[in-house]
Amino acid sequence: MADINYQILIEMRDKIVTYLEGEKKICEAALKAYEPGAITESSEEIRVMREREAIKLRDRIYELSRHIEVIKAMYPNT
């Protein structure tokens, strides 16, 4: 019975990790739009705004990576 319950936890972990990895990929794709040279900035104000948005996306990617690793560590395969 304990093995079945643990297997259910592993399946839940895998679903959560898959979701978080998908979110991370979305953020990584969005971040590419903010890379230098992706779009020529027309003003200093726009450049600053784009830099701020890129920082937010990098932070989100970092946080998602941390959450993924914590969840994996909580419920190892064995």
Protein backbone atom coordinates (compact mmCIF):
# COMPACT_ATOMS: atom_id res chain seq x y z
CA MET A 1 0.00 0.00 0.00
CA ALA A 2 2.83 2.39 0.84
CA ASP A 3 4.42 1.67 -2.54
CA ILE A 4 1.18 2.58 -4.32
CA ASN A 5 0.86 5.84 -2.39
CA TYR A 6 4.47 6.74 -3.12
CA GLN A 7 3.95 5.97 -6.81
CA ILE A 8 0.98 8.36 -6.82
CA LEU A 9 3.20 11.04 -5.28
CA ILE A 10 5.84 10.42 -7.94
CA GLU A 11 3.23 10.78 -10.69
CA MET A 12 1.98 14.03 -9.14
CA ARG A 13 5.56 15.28 -8.89
CA ASP A 14 6.15 14.51 -12.55
CA LYS A 15 3.00 16.38 -13.60
CA ILE A 16 3.93 19.42 -11.52
CA VAL A 17 7.51 19.43 -12.83
CA THR A 18 6.26 19.10 -16.41
CA TYR A 19 3.96 22.09 -15.89
CA LEU A 20 6.71 24.21 -14.32
CA GLU A 21 9.17 23.29 -17.07
CA GLY A 22 6.58 24.37 -19.64
CA GLU A 23 6.17 27.71 -17.88
CA LYS A 24 9.94 28.10 -17.80
CA LYS A 25 10.17 27.48 -21.56
CA ILE A 26 7.51 30.11 -22.18
CA CYS A 27 9.49 32.64 -20.12
CA GLU A 28 12.73 31.71 -21.90
CA ALA A 29 11.06 32.24 -25.28
CA ALA A 30 9.69 35.60 -24.15
CA LEU A 31 13.12 36.62 -22.88
CA LYS A 32 14.59 36.16 -26.37
CA ALA A 33 12.47 39.11 -27.53
CA TYR A 34 14.33 41.30 -25.05
CA GLU A 35 17.84 40.33 -26.15
CA PRO A 36 19.96 43.11 -27.58
CA GLY A 37 19.35 43.53 -31.28
CA ALA A 38 15.95 41.78 -31.23
CA ILE A 39 14.22 45.10 -31.81
CA THR A 40 15.81 48.47 -32.27
CA GLU A 41 14.79 50.74 -29.42
CA SER A 42 13.36 54.06 -30.48
CA SER A 43 13.96 55.85 -27.20
CA GLU A 44 15.81 55.61 -23.92
CA GLU A 45 12.54 55.15 -22.06
CA ILE A 46 11.64 52.11 -24.14
CA ARG A 47 15.13 50.64 -23.68
CA VAL A 48 14.87 50.99 -19.89
CA MET A 49 11.39 49.43 -19.91
CA ARG A 50 12.65 46.48 -21.97
CA GLU A 51 15.59 45.97 -19.59
CA ARG A 52 13.22 45.89 -16.62
CA GLU A 53 10.98 43.35 -18.31
CA ALA A 54 14.01 41.19 -19.16
CA ILE A 55 15.10 41.29 -15.51
CA LYS A 56 11.63 40.16 -14.42
CA LEU A 57 11.69 37.28 -16.89
CA ARG A 58 15.17 36.18 -15.78
CA ASP A 59 13.99 36.25 -12.18
CA ARG A 60 10.91 34.19 -13.06
CA ILE A 61 13.04 31.62 -14.88
CA TYR A 62 15.38 31.38 -11.89
CA GLU A 63 12.46 30.92 -9.47
CA LEU A 64 10.86 28.24 -11.66
CA SER A 65 14.17 26.39 -11.83
CA ARG A 66 14.45 26.48 -8.05
CA HIS A 67 10.89 25.19 -7.59
CA ILE A 68 11.51 22.35 -10.04
CA GLU A 69 14.64 21.23 -8.20
CA VAL A 70 12.95 21.39 -4.79
CA ILE A 71 10.01 19.29 -5.97
CA LYS A 72 12.35 16.73 -7.52
CA ALA A 73 14.32 16.52 -4.27
CA MET A 74 11.18 16.10 -2.15
CA TYR A 75 10.09 12.94 -3.94
CA PRO A 76 13.04 11.07 -5.44
CA ASN A 77 12.38 8.08 -7.68
CA THR A 78 13.60 5.52 -5.18
